[in-house]
């Protein structure tokens, strides 16, 4: 298999965007847990926008690089932020606290997508941003972060959507969460290796395409 210079360049750009996206995602978890009263993320150095504490060498760098160069579907991940729900404020239940911490990660990806989109619109209208650079920002940051948001909200542990599902389900159905907690990683792997993930992510793809088209029109590009 031959790998071209263009493929290497695209892989590097993708890794840079992925590291930035995972950094803000994990920071969101750490920030939310800290706001709820848990000092563990700060103590472990996770309340930072520096990528170093959040990057997993295999999940953030190696596997995504292989995926980009070979087009083999692989999962990527950052270093999970450890929290202690028993330290959360008593103003919310532990389940609610865990849900808030979980959803903060995808919301940070959404916030980054909004910020980059704003830069594209302002830069495009002012002429400070070329169409090529604008398209690069949309492809490598906005679409990626929207994908990460939708993917992480799938209601399957260990994804963030698993904590949201646990919060939504009544106590009588918590056995579902226990089952998914045990087999969730295998279920995710099977989804990645089958067309099911593409089917589930279709709404996210539609939103991302509409978002990109709207931003580029707003930027006059």
C-alpha atoms as a PDB file:
ATOM      1  CA  UNK A   1       0.000   0.000   0.000  1.00  0.00           C
ATOM      2  CA  UNK A   2       1.466   3.360  -1.069  1.00  0.00           C
ATOM      3  CA  UNK A   3       0.896   6.448   1.036  1.00  0.00           C
ATOM      4  CA  UNK A   4       1.078   9.818  -0.671  1.00  0.00           C
ATOM      5  CA  UNK A   5       2.325  13.115   0.715  1.00  0.00           C
ATOM      6  CA  UNK A   6      -1.223  14.472   0.530  1.00  0.00           C
ATOM      7  CA  UNK A   7      -2.472  11.597   2.706  1.00  0.00           C
ATOM      8  CA  UNK A   8       0.248  12.268   5.278  1.00  0.00           C
ATOM      9  CA  UNK A   9      -0.590  15.996   5.318  1.00  0.00           C
ATOM     10  CA  UNK A  10      -4.299  15.283   5.777  1.00  0.00           C
ATOM     11  CA  UNK A  11      -3.547  12.764   8.525  1.00  0.00           C
ATOM     12  CA  UNK A  12      -1.423  15.305  10.404  1.00  0.00           C
ATOM     13  CA  UNK A  13      -4.088  18.006  10.089  1.00  0.00           C
ATOM     14  CA  UNK A  14      -6.707  15.532  11.295  1.00  0.00           C
ATOM     15  CA  UNK A  15      -4.587  14.567  14.312  1.00  0.00           C
ATOM     16  CA  UNK A  16      -4.057  18.205  15.279  1.00  0.00           C
ATOM     17  CA  UNK A  17      -7.805  18.836  15.074  1.00  0.00           C
ATOM     18  CA  UNK A  18      -8.580  15.633  16.966  1.00  0.00           C
ATOM     19  CA  UNK A  19      -6.172  16.469  19.789  1.00  0.00           C
ATOM     20  CA  UNK A  20      -7.719  19.936  20.132  1.00  0.00           C
ATOM     21  CA  UNK A  21     -11.250  18.495  20.047  1.00  0.00           C
ATOM     22  CA  UNK A  22     -10.540  15.778  22.612  1.00  0.00           C
ATOM     23  CA  UNK A  23      -8.779  18.321  24.832  1.00  0.00           C
ATOM     24  CA  UNK A  24     -11.808  20.620  25.031  1.00  0.00           C
ATOM     25  CA  UNK A  25     -14.095  17.586  25.464  1.00  0.00           C
ATOM     26  CA  UNK A  26     -12.195  16.218  28.453  1.00  0.00           C
ATOM     27  CA  UNK A  27     -11.735  19.704  29.889  1.00  0.00           C
ATOM     28  CA  UNK A  28     -15.519  20.024  29.813  1.00  0.00           C
ATOM     29  CA  UNK A  29     -15.868  16.940  32.000  1.00  0.00           C
ATOM     30  CA  UNK A  30     -13.224  18.220  34.427  1.00  0.00           C
ATOM     31  CA  UNK A  31     -14.749  21.714  34.576  1.00  0.00           C
ATOM     32  CA  UNK A  32     -18.274  20.419  35.249  1.00  0.00           C
ATOM     33  CA  UNK A  33     -17.108  18.032  37.966  1.00  0.00           C
ATOM     34  CA  UNK A  34     -15.104  20.815  39.614  1.00  0.00           C
ATOM     35  CA  UNK A  35     -18.104  23.151  39.531  1.00  0.00           C
ATOM     36  CA  UNK A  36     -20.140  20.441  41.246  1.00  0.00           C
ATOM     37  CA  UNK A  37     -17.616  20.293  44.085  1.00  0.00           C
ATOM     38  CA  UNK A  38     -15.275  17.470  43.079  1.00  0.00           C
ATOM     39  CA  UNK A  39     -11.606  18.391  43.527  1.00  0.00           C
ATOM     40  CA  UNK A  40     -10.250  15.196  41.929  1.00  0.00           C
ATOM     41  CA  UNK A  41      -9.954  16.493  38.327  1.00  0.00           C
ATOM     42  CA  UNK A  42      -7.995  19.549  39.488  1.00  0.00           C
ATOM     43  CA  UNK A  43      -5.774  17.401  41.713  1.00  0.00           C
ATOM     44  CA  UNK A  44      -4.985  15.119  38.769  1.00  0.00           C
ATOM     45  CA  UNK A  45      -4.153  18.060  36.511  1.00  0.00           C
ATOM     46  CA  UNK A  46      -7.155  17.650  34.225  1.00  0.00           C
ATOM     47  CA  UNK A  47      -8.652  21.124  34.695  1.00  0.00           C
ATOM     48  CA  UNK A  48      -6.548  22.498  31.860  1.00  0.00           C
ATOM     49  CA  UNK A  49      -6.736  23.184  28.136  1.00  0.00           C
ATOM     50  CA  UNK A  50      -3.222  21.823  27.674  1.00  0.00           C
ATOM     51  CA  UNK A  51      -3.523  18.689  25.500  1.00  0.00           C
ATOM     52  CA  UNK A  52      -0.815  16.726  27.321  1.00  0.00           C
ATOM     53  CA  UNK A  53      -2.905  15.426  30.274  1.00  0.00           C
ATOM     54  CA  UNK A  54      -5.855  14.551  28.019  1.00  0.00           C
ATOM     55  CA  UNK A  55      -4.112  12.705  25.174  1.00  0.00           C
ATOM     56  CA  UNK A  56      -3.946   8.918  25.129  1.00  0.00           C
ATOM     57  CA  UNK A  57      -0.973   7.822  22.965  1.00  0.00           C
ATOM     58  CA  UNK A  58      -2.882   4.900  21.485  1.00  0.00           C
ATOM     59  CA  UNK A  59      -6.461   6.171  21.423  1.00  0.00           C
ATOM     60  CA  UNK A  60      -5.743   9.767  20.432  1.00  0.00           C
ATOM     61  CA  UNK A  61      -2.676   9.381  18.235  1.00  0.00           C
ATOM     62  CA  UNK A  62      -1.827   5.891  16.988  1.00  0.00           C
ATOM     63  CA  UNK A  63      -5.245   4.437  16.124  1.00  0.00           C
ATOM     64  CA  UNK A  64      -6.626   7.633  14.506  1.00  0.00           C
ATOM     65  CA  UNK A  65      -3.408   7.928  12.467  1.00  0.00           C
ATOM     66  CA  UNK A  66      -3.768   4.345  11.239  1.00  0.00           C
ATOM     67  CA  UNK A  67      -7.419   5.009  10.465  1.00  0.00           C
ATOM     68  CA  UNK A  68      -6.583   8.086   8.398  1.00  0.00           C
ATOM     69  CA  UNK A  69      -3.851   6.360   6.413  1.00  0.00           C
ATOM     70  CA  UNK A  70      -5.599   3.032   5.846  1.00  0.00           C
ATOM     71  CA  UNK A  71      -9.311   3.969   6.043  1.00  0.00           C
ATOM     72  CA  UNK A  72      -9.846   1.056   8.419  1.00  0.00           C
ATOM     73  CA  UNK A  73     -12.677   2.022  10.843  1.00  0.00           C
ATOM     74  CA  UNK A  74     -11.186   2.349  14.321  1.00  0.00           C
ATOM     75  CA  UNK A  75     -12.279   3.971  17.552  1.00  0.00           C
ATOM     76  CA  UNK A  76     -10.315   6.803  19.098  1.00  0.00           C
ATOM     77  CA  UNK A  77     -10.446   8.227  22.594  1.00  0.00           C
ATOM     78  CA  UNK A  78      -8.797  10.537  25.092  1.00  0.00           C
ATOM     79  CA  UNK A  79      -7.758   9.821  28.663  1.00  0.00           C
ATOM     80  CA  UNK A  80     -11.003   9.655  30.662  1.00  0.00           C
ATOM     81  CA  UNK A  81     -11.389  12.263  33.388  1.00  0.00           C
ATOM     82  CA  UNK A  82     -11.748  10.569  36.762  1.00  0.00           C
ATOM     83  CA  UNK A  83     -14.364  12.017  39.092  1.00  0.00           C
ATOM     84  CA  UNK A  84     -15.817  11.087  42.467  1.00  0.00           C
ATOM     85  CA  UNK A  85     -19.615  11.562  42.408  1.00  0.00           C
ATOM     86  CA  UNK A  86     -19.716  11.359  46.217  1.00  0.00           C
ATOM     87  CA  UNK A  87     -18.002  14.752  46.260  1.00  0.00           C
ATOM     88  CA  UNK A  88     -20.693  16.424  44.176  1.00  0.00           C
ATOM     89  CA  UNK A  89     -22.850  19.045  45.819  1.00  0.00           C
ATOM     90  CA  UNK A  90     -25.882  17.675  47.625  1.00  0.00           C
ATOM     91  CA  UNK A  91     -28.078  20.139  45.729  1.00  0.00           C
ATOM     92  CA  UNK A  92     -28.277  17.539  42.941  1.00  0.00           C
ATOM     93  CA  UNK A  93     -28.515  13.758  43.045  1.00  0.00           C
ATOM     94  CA  UNK A  94     -25.479  11.684  42.097  1.00  0.00           C
ATOM     95  CA  UNK A  95     -27.246  10.550  38.914  1.00  0.00           C
ATOM     96  CA  UNK A  96     -27.944  14.157  37.939  1.00  0.00           C
ATOM     97  CA  UNK A  97     -24.375  15.151  38.730  1.00  0.00           C
ATOM     98  CA  UNK A  98     -22.988  12.327  36.618  1.00  0.00           C
ATOM     99  CA  UNK A  99     -25.300  13.314  33.779  1.00  0.00           C
ATOM    100  CA  UNK A 100     -24.177  16.962  33.960  1.00  0.00           C
ATOM    101  CA  UNK A 101     -20.503  15.969  33.964  1.00  0.00           C
ATOM    102  CA  UNK A 102     -21.066  13.569  31.059  1.00  0.00           C
ATOM    103  CA  UNK A 103     -22.966  16.019  28.880  1.00  0.00           C
ATOM    104  CA  UNK A 104     -20.404  18.783  29.468  1.00  0.00           C
ATOM    105  CA  UNK A 105     -17.948  17.019  27.139  1.00  0.00           C
ATOM    106  CA  UNK A 106     -20.208  16.989  24.040  1.00  0.00           C
ATOM    107  CA  UNK A 107     -21.359  20.538  24.854  1.00  0.00           C
ATOM    108  CA  UNK A 108     -17.731  21.693  24.716  1.00  0.00           C
ATOM    109  CA  UNK A 109     -17.441  20.146  21.253  1.00  0.00           C
ATOM    110  CA  UNK A 110     -20.558  22.069  20.246  1.00  0.00           C
ATOM    111  CA  UNK A 111     -19.094  25.278  21.695  1.00  0.00           C
ATOM    112  CA  UNK A 112     -15.859  24.791  19.738  1.00  0.00           C
ATOM    113  CA  UNK A 113     -17.868  24.231  16.548  1.00  0.00           C
ATOM    114  CA  UNK A 114     -19.758  27.487  17.201  1.00  0.00           C
ATOM    115  CA  UNK A 115     -16.562  29.446  17.899  1.00  0.00           C
ATOM    116  CA  UNK A 116     -14.790  28.181  14.778  1.00  0.00           C
ATOM    117  CA  UNK A 117     -17.911  28.838  12.686  1.00  0.00           C
ATOM    118  CA  UNK A 118     -17.973  32.408  13.999  1.00  0.00           C
ATOM    119  CA  UNK A 119     -14.332  32.858  12.995  1.00  0.00           C
ATOM    120  CA  UNK A 120     -15.133  31.553   9.508  1.00  0.00           C
ATOM    121  CA  UNK A 121     -18.103  33.916   9.090  1.00  0.00           C
ATOM    122  CA  UNK A 122     -16.225  36.969  10.387  1.00  0.00           C
ATOM    123  CA  UNK A 123     -13.051  36.082   8.503  1.00  0.00           C
ATOM    124  CA  UNK A 124     -14.920  35.364   5.289  1.00  0.00           C
ATOM    125  CA  UNK A 125     -16.931  38.590   5.371  1.00  0.00           C
ATOM    126  CA  UNK A 126     -13.855  40.684   6.169  1.00  0.00           C
ATOM    127  CA  UNK A 127     -11.747  39.013   3.499  1.00  0.00           C
ATOM    128  CA  UNK A 128      -9.192  37.873   6.065  1.00  0.00           C
ATOM    129  CA  UNK A 129      -9.953  34.202   5.462  1.00  0.00           C
ATOM    130  CA  UNK A 130      -9.486  32.456   2.141  1.00  0.00           C
ATOM    131  CA  UNK A 131     -12.028  29.941   0.893  1.00  0.00           C
ATOM    132  CA  UNK A 132      -9.442  27.152   1.154  1.00  0.00           C
ATOM    133  CA  UNK A 133      -8.689  27.925   4.789  1.00  0.00           C
ATOM    134  CA  UNK A 134     -12.375  28.300   5.599  1.00  0.00           C
ATOM    135  CA  UNK A 135     -13.158  24.908   4.083  1.00  0.00           C
ATOM    136  CA  UNK A 136     -10.255  23.401   6.008  1.00  0.00           C
ATOM    137  CA  UNK A 137     -11.534  24.791   9.298  1.00  0.00           C
ATOM    138  CA  UNK A 138     -15.040  23.525   8.557  1.00  0.00           C
ATOM    139  CA  UNK A 139     -13.835  20.048   7.593  1.00  0.00           C
ATOM    140  CA  UNK A 140     -11.182  19.538  10.245  1.00  0.00           C
ATOM    141  CA  UNK A 141     -12.777  21.261  13.229  1.00  0.00           C
ATOM    142  CA  UNK A 142     -16.475  22.022  12.823  1.00  0.00           C
ATOM    143  CA  UNK A 143     -17.591  18.762  11.220  1.00  0.00           C
ATOM    144  CA  UNK A 144     -15.283  16.755  13.466  1.00  0.00           C
ATOM    145  CA  UNK A 145     -16.624  18.335  16.643  1.00  0.00           C
ATOM    146  CA  UNK A 146     -20.230  17.912  15.552  1.00  0.00           C
ATOM    147  CA  UNK A 147     -19.474  14.259  14.823  1.00  0.00           C
ATOM    148  CA  UNK A 148     -17.842  13.831  18.237  1.00  0.00           C
ATOM    149  CA  UNK A 149     -20.819  15.463  19.922  1.00  0.00           C
ATOM    150  CA  UNK A 150     -23.382  13.205  18.242  1.00  0.00           C
ATOM    151  CA  UNK A 151     -21.230  10.096  18.664  1.00  0.00           C
ATOM    152  CA  UNK A 152     -20.604  10.647  22.362  1.00  0.00           C
ATOM    153  CA  UNK A 153     -24.303  11.207  22.979  1.00  0.00           C
ATOM    154  CA  UNK A 154     -25.197   7.732  21.730  1.00  0.00           C
ATOM    155  CA  UNK A 155     -26.855   6.083  24.774  1.00  0.00           C
ATOM    156  CA  UNK A 156     -24.265   3.360  25.231  1.00  0.00           C
ATOM    157  CA  UNK A 157     -21.718   3.239  28.074  1.00  0.00           C
ATOM    158  CA  UNK A 158     -18.846   4.080  28.150  1.00  0.00           C
ATOM    159  CA  UNK A 159     -19.981   6.981  25.935  1.00  0.00           C
ATOM    160  CA  UNK A 160     -21.359  10.086  27.624  1.00  0.00           C
ATOM    161  CA  UNK A 161     -24.836   9.249  26.393  1.00  0.00           C
ATOM    162  CA  UNK A 162     -24.784   6.236  28.707  1.00  0.00           C
ATOM    163  CA  UNK A 163     -24.853   8.546  31.744  1.00  0.00           C
ATOM    164  CA  UNK A 164     -27.680  10.533  30.160  1.00  0.00           C
ATOM    165  CA  UNK A 165     -29.610   7.299  29.584  1.00  0.00           C
ATOM    166  CA  UNK A 166     -29.033   6.245  33.205  1.00  0.00           C
ATOM    167  CA  UNK A 167     -30.440   9.591  34.351  1.00  0.00           C
ATOM    168  CA  UNK A 168     -33.504   9.298  32.107  1.00  0.00           C
ATOM    169  CA  UNK A 169     -34.433   5.685  32.824  1.00  0.00           C
ATOM    170  CA  UNK A 170     -36.532   4.915  35.915  1.00  0.00           C
ATOM    171  CA  UNK A 171     -34.995   2.854  38.696  1.00  0.00           C
ATOM    172  CA  UNK A 172     -36.917  -0.217  37.543  1.00  0.00           C
ATOM    173  CA  UNK A 173     -34.959  -0.190  34.267  1.00  0.00           C
ATOM    174  CA  UNK A 174     -31.469   0.398  35.666  1.00  0.00           C
ATOM    175  CA  UNK A 175     -30.707  -3.224  34.815  1.00  0.00           C
ATOM    176  CA  UNK A 176     -30.461  -2.030  31.216  1.00  0.00           C
ATOM    177  CA  UNK A 177     -27.619   0.268  32.234  1.00  0.00           C
ATOM    178  CA  UNK A 178     -25.882  -2.571  34.068  1.00  0.00           C
ATOM    179  CA  UNK A 179     -26.104  -4.718  30.935  1.00  0.00           C
ATOM    180  CA  UNK A 180     -24.846  -1.929  28.682  1.00  0.00           C
ATOM    181  CA  UNK A 181     -22.087  -1.117  31.162  1.00  0.00           C
ATOM    182  CA  UNK A 182     -20.852  -4.689  30.912  1.00  0.00           C
ATOM    183  CA  UNK A 183     -21.137  -5.129  27.152  1.00  0.00           C
ATOM    184  CA  UNK A 184     -21.072  -1.547  25.887  1.00  0.00           C
ATOM    185  CA  UNK A 185     -17.503  -1.635  24.571  1.00  0.00           C
ATOM    186  CA  UNK A 186     -18.184  -4.769  22.545  1.00  0.00           C
ATOM    187  CA  UNK A 187     -21.428  -3.276  21.240  1.00  0.00           C
ATOM    188  CA  UNK A 188     -19.562  -0.152  20.142  1.00  0.00           C
ATOM    189  CA  UNK A 189     -16.894  -2.202  18.400  1.00  0.00           C
ATOM    190  CA  UNK A 190     -19.565  -4.191  16.547  1.00  0.00           C
ATOM    191  CA  UNK A 191     -21.286  -0.948  15.538  1.00  0.00           C
ATOM    192  CA  UNK A 192     -18.055   0.537  14.185  1.00  0.00           C
ATOM    193  CA  UNK A 193     -17.384  -2.582  12.125  1.00  0.00           C
ATOM    194  CA  UNK A 194     -20.902  -2.631  10.671  1.00  0.00           C
ATOM    195  CA  UNK A 195     -23.153  -0.172   8.798  1.00  0.00           C
ATOM    196  CA  UNK A 196     -25.155   0.382  12.008  1.00  0.00           C
ATOM    197  CA  UNK A 197     -22.993   3.253  13.229  1.00  0.00           C
ATOM    198  CA  UNK A 198     -23.330   5.073   9.917  1.00  0.00           C
ATOM    199  CA  UNK A 199     -27.104   4.638  10.135  1.00  0.00           C
ATOM    200  CA  UNK A 200     -27.244   5.978  13.707  1.00  0.00           C
ATOM    201  CA  UNK A 201     -24.986   8.889  12.841  1.00  0.00           C
ATOM    202  CA  UNK A 202     -27.001   9.875   9.759  1.00  0.00           C
ATOM    203  CA  UNK A 203     -28.914  12.663  11.596  1.00  0.00           C
ATOM    204  CA  UNK A 204     -25.570  14.059  12.734  1.00  0.00           C
ATOM    205  CA  UNK A 205     -24.267  13.980   9.168  1.00  0.00           C
ATOM    206  CA  UNK A 206     -27.350  15.862   7.961  1.00  0.00           C
ATOM    207  CA  UNK A 207     -26.934  18.506  10.677  1.00  0.00           C
ATOM    208  CA  UNK A 208     -23.201  18.861   9.930  1.00  0.00           C
ATOM    209  CA  UNK A 209     -23.827  19.295   6.194  1.00  0.00           C
ATOM    210  CA  UNK A 210     -26.558  21.889   6.796  1.00  0.00           C
ATOM    211  CA  UNK A 211     -24.357  23.661   9.374  1.00  0.00           C
ATOM    212  CA  UNK A 212     -21.381  23.853   7.000  1.00  0.00           C
ATOM    213  CA  UNK A 213     -23.484  25.103   4.108  1.00  0.00           C
ATOM    214  CA  UNK A 214     -25.101  27.765   6.304  1.00  0.00           C
ATOM    215  CA  UNK A 215     -21.779  28.982   7.712  1.00  0.00           C
ATOM    216  CA  UNK A 216     -20.110  29.196   4.304  1.00  0.00           C
ATOM    217  CA  UNK A 217     -23.089  31.116   2.908  1.00  0.00           C
ATOM    218  CA  UNK A 218     -22.954  33.427   5.912  1.00  0.00           C
ATOM    219  CA  UNK A 219     -19.250  33.965   5.246  1.00  0.00           C
ATOM    220  CA  UNK A 220     -19.969  34.804   1.613  1.00  0.00           C
ATOM    221  CA  UNK A 221     -17.823  31.922   0.369  1.00  0.00           C
END
